[in-house]
């Protein structure tokens, strides 16, 4: 199985249990990230794997991950540095899946190009 995640500058790929994350620009304005919307168009097992890969990739870039249920309780100062993450997981070929990742600025809701 091959997983490919492309997200405006964030590139994560994994084959079996190996992941590679490319350099990501534009994260300097953010200290926190939260995966808030996950849509699955394939088997839930792939979804869990993809969500974990994206979580680990963002954490490896220095972002502190915040659970979706904790976002509302963050102080305003932290919300101003919060990057929201949406995932769409789907079947690419019989032996692969794709993951589309979209980043949104918490304050404005606008997509962020990294």
C-alpha atoms as a PDB file:
ATOM      1  CA  UNK A   1       0.000   0.000   0.000  1.00  0.00           C
ATOM      2  CA  UNK A   2       1.243   3.488  -0.843  1.00  0.00           C
ATOM      3  CA  UNK A   3      -0.168   6.591   0.808  1.00  0.00           C
ATOM      4  CA  UNK A   4       0.365   9.949  -0.824  1.00  0.00           C
ATOM      5  CA  UNK A   5      -0.500  13.198   0.918  1.00  0.00           C
ATOM      6  CA  UNK A   6      -0.184  16.462  -0.938  1.00  0.00           C
ATOM      7  CA  UNK A   7      -1.176  19.646   0.795  1.00  0.00           C
ATOM      8  CA  UNK A   8      -0.012  22.971  -0.539  1.00  0.00           C
ATOM      9  CA  UNK A   9       3.596  22.334   0.310  1.00  0.00           C
ATOM     10  CA  UNK A  10       3.285  19.505   2.807  1.00  0.00           C
ATOM     11  CA  UNK A  11       4.239  16.266   1.166  1.00  0.00           C
ATOM     12  CA  UNK A  12       3.989  13.043   3.062  1.00  0.00           C
ATOM     13  CA  UNK A  13       4.391   9.674   1.454  1.00  0.00           C
ATOM     14  CA  UNK A  14       4.640   6.304   3.028  1.00  0.00           C
ATOM     15  CA  UNK A  15       5.256   2.847   1.718  1.00  0.00           C
ATOM     16  CA  UNK A  16       4.413   0.175   4.229  1.00  0.00           C
ATOM     17  CA  UNK A  17       5.529   1.866   7.489  1.00  0.00           C
ATOM     18  CA  UNK A  18       7.973   4.469   6.171  1.00  0.00           C
ATOM     19  CA  UNK A  19       7.045   8.136   5.821  1.00  0.00           C
ATOM     20  CA  UNK A  20       8.882  11.031   4.211  1.00  0.00           C
ATOM     21  CA  UNK A  21       7.993  14.662   4.895  1.00  0.00           C
ATOM     22  CA  UNK A  22       9.231  17.466   2.679  1.00  0.00           C
ATOM     23  CA  UNK A  23      10.253  20.902   3.881  1.00  0.00           C
ATOM     24  CA  UNK A  24       7.260  23.104   4.526  1.00  0.00           C
ATOM     25  CA  UNK A  25       7.349  26.872   4.295  1.00  0.00           C
ATOM     26  CA  UNK A  26       4.740  29.129   5.826  1.00  0.00           C
ATOM     27  CA  UNK A  27       4.453  27.377   9.178  1.00  0.00           C
ATOM     28  CA  UNK A  28       6.306  30.126  11.035  1.00  0.00           C
ATOM     29  CA  UNK A  29       3.014  31.945  11.691  1.00  0.00           C
ATOM     30  CA  UNK A  30       1.561  28.885  13.438  1.00  0.00           C
ATOM     31  CA  UNK A  31       2.466  27.161  16.689  1.00  0.00           C
ATOM     32  CA  UNK A  32      -0.559  24.848  16.944  1.00  0.00           C
ATOM     33  CA  UNK A  33      -2.505  22.567  14.605  1.00  0.00           C
ATOM     34  CA  UNK A  34      -5.703  20.592  14.963  1.00  0.00           C
ATOM     35  CA  UNK A  35      -7.152  17.942  12.650  1.00  0.00           C
ATOM     36  CA  UNK A  36     -10.801  19.019  12.692  1.00  0.00           C
ATOM     37  CA  UNK A  37     -12.514  17.479   9.692  1.00  0.00           C
ATOM     38  CA  UNK A  38     -11.823  14.016   8.334  1.00  0.00           C
ATOM     39  CA  UNK A  39     -13.750  12.533   5.435  1.00  0.00           C
ATOM     40  CA  UNK A  40     -13.277   8.970   4.380  1.00  0.00           C
ATOM     41  CA  UNK A  41     -14.173   7.554   0.999  1.00  0.00           C
ATOM     42  CA  UNK A  42     -12.455   4.244   1.650  1.00  0.00           C
ATOM     43  CA  UNK A  43     -11.862   1.704   4.407  1.00  0.00           C
ATOM     44  CA  UNK A  44     -11.629   3.229   7.912  1.00  0.00           C
ATOM     45  CA  UNK A  45      -8.302   1.438   8.480  1.00  0.00           C
ATOM     46  CA  UNK A  46      -6.688   3.596   5.796  1.00  0.00           C
ATOM     47  CA  UNK A  47      -8.219   6.661   7.388  1.00  0.00           C
ATOM     48  CA  UNK A  48      -6.619   5.933  10.747  1.00  0.00           C
ATOM     49  CA  UNK A  49      -3.226   5.373   9.119  1.00  0.00           C
ATOM     50  CA  UNK A  50      -3.479   8.561   7.062  1.00  0.00           C
ATOM     51  CA  UNK A  51      -4.599  10.641  10.039  1.00  0.00           C
ATOM     52  CA  UNK A  52      -1.661   9.353  12.086  1.00  0.00           C
ATOM     53  CA  UNK A  53       0.827  10.114   9.274  1.00  0.00           C
ATOM     54  CA  UNK A  54      -0.413  13.700   8.897  1.00  0.00           C
ATOM     55  CA  UNK A  55      -0.466  14.201  12.682  1.00  0.00           C
ATOM     56  CA  UNK A  56       3.125  12.968  12.962  1.00  0.00           C
ATOM     57  CA  UNK A  57       4.260  15.056   9.979  1.00  0.00           C
ATOM     58  CA  UNK A  58       2.859  18.272  11.451  1.00  0.00           C
ATOM     59  CA  UNK A  59       4.265  17.502  14.899  1.00  0.00           C
ATOM     60  CA  UNK A  60       7.690  16.817  13.349  1.00  0.00           C
ATOM     61  CA  UNK A  61       7.609  20.339  11.897  1.00  0.00           C
ATOM     62  CA  UNK A  62       7.303  21.817  15.382  1.00  0.00           C
ATOM     63  CA  UNK A  63       3.554  22.328  15.606  1.00  0.00           C
ATOM     64  CA  UNK A  64       1.916  21.409  18.893  1.00  0.00           C
ATOM     65  CA  UNK A  65      -1.070  19.238  18.065  1.00  0.00           C
ATOM     66  CA  UNK A  66      -4.360  20.148  19.770  1.00  0.00           C
ATOM     67  CA  UNK A  67      -7.337  17.805  19.944  1.00  0.00           C
ATOM     68  CA  UNK A  68     -10.449  19.022  18.150  1.00  0.00           C
ATOM     69  CA  UNK A  69     -12.461  19.051  21.382  1.00  0.00           C
ATOM     70  CA  UNK A  70      -9.858  21.280  23.060  1.00  0.00           C
ATOM     71  CA  UNK A  71      -9.823  24.021  20.410  1.00  0.00           C
ATOM     72  CA  UNK A  72     -12.685  26.032  21.920  1.00  0.00           C
ATOM     73  CA  UNK A  73     -10.919  26.094  25.295  1.00  0.00           C
ATOM     74  CA  UNK A  74      -7.696  27.614  23.949  1.00  0.00           C
ATOM     75  CA  UNK A  75      -6.848  31.180  24.966  1.00  0.00           C
ATOM     76  CA  UNK A  76      -7.230  33.798  22.230  1.00  0.00           C
ATOM     77  CA  UNK A  77      -3.440  34.132  21.899  1.00  0.00           C
ATOM     78  CA  UNK A  78      -3.145  30.443  21.018  1.00  0.00           C
ATOM     79  CA  UNK A  79      -6.123  30.516  18.658  1.00  0.00           C
ATOM     80  CA  UNK A  80      -4.349  33.263  16.705  1.00  0.00           C
ATOM     81  CA  UNK A  81      -1.538  30.771  16.030  1.00  0.00           C
ATOM     82  CA  UNK A  82      -3.824  27.818  15.239  1.00  0.00           C
ATOM     83  CA  UNK A  83      -3.834  25.980  11.931  1.00  0.00           C
ATOM     84  CA  UNK A  84      -6.909  23.841  11.231  1.00  0.00           C
ATOM     85  CA  UNK A  85      -6.403  20.701   9.154  1.00  0.00           C
ATOM     86  CA  UNK A  86      -8.994  18.917   7.014  1.00  0.00           C
ATOM     87  CA  UNK A  87      -8.384  15.490   5.489  1.00  0.00           C
ATOM     88  CA  UNK A  88     -10.058  13.618   2.658  1.00  0.00           C
ATOM     89  CA  UNK A  89      -8.988  10.001   2.245  1.00  0.00           C
ATOM     90  CA  UNK A  90      -9.941   8.019  -0.849  1.00  0.00           C
ATOM     91  CA  UNK A  91      -9.061   4.954  -2.869  1.00  0.00           C
ATOM     92  CA  UNK A  92      -6.483   5.684  -5.594  1.00  0.00           C
ATOM     93  CA  UNK A  93      -5.870   2.273  -7.109  1.00  0.00           C
ATOM     94  CA  UNK A  94      -6.636  -1.143  -5.635  1.00  0.00           C
ATOM     95  CA  UNK A  95      -3.258  -1.038  -3.860  1.00  0.00           C
ATOM     96  CA  UNK A  96      -3.095   2.640  -2.912  1.00  0.00           C
ATOM     97  CA  UNK A  97      -5.018   5.466  -1.325  1.00  0.00           C
ATOM     98  CA  UNK A  98      -4.787   9.231  -1.601  1.00  0.00           C
ATOM     99  CA  UNK A  99      -4.998  11.832   1.112  1.00  0.00           C
ATOM    100  CA  UNK A 100      -5.933  15.426   0.361  1.00  0.00           C
ATOM    101  CA  UNK A 101      -4.964  17.822   3.152  1.00  0.00           C
ATOM    102  CA  UNK A 102      -6.337  21.348   3.401  1.00  0.00           C
ATOM    103  CA  UNK A 103      -5.072  23.937   5.880  1.00  0.00           C
ATOM    104  CA  UNK A 104      -7.247  26.753   7.223  1.00  0.00           C
ATOM    105  CA  UNK A 105      -6.383  29.742   9.359  1.00  0.00           C
ATOM    106  CA  UNK A 106      -8.469  29.468  12.543  1.00  0.00           C
ATOM    107  CA  UNK A 107      -9.194  33.206  12.796  1.00  0.00           C
ATOM    108  CA  UNK A 108     -10.271  33.789   9.212  1.00  0.00           C
ATOM    109  CA  UNK A 109     -11.301  30.336   7.994  1.00  0.00           C
ATOM    110  CA  UNK A 110      -9.370  31.059   4.803  1.00  0.00           C
ATOM    111  CA  UNK A 111      -7.283  28.359   3.158  1.00  0.00           C
ATOM    112  CA  UNK A 112      -3.572  28.737   3.882  1.00  0.00           C
ATOM    113  CA  UNK A 113      -1.011  28.029   1.188  1.00  0.00           C
ATOM    114  CA  UNK A 114       2.122  26.721   2.862  1.00  0.00           C
END
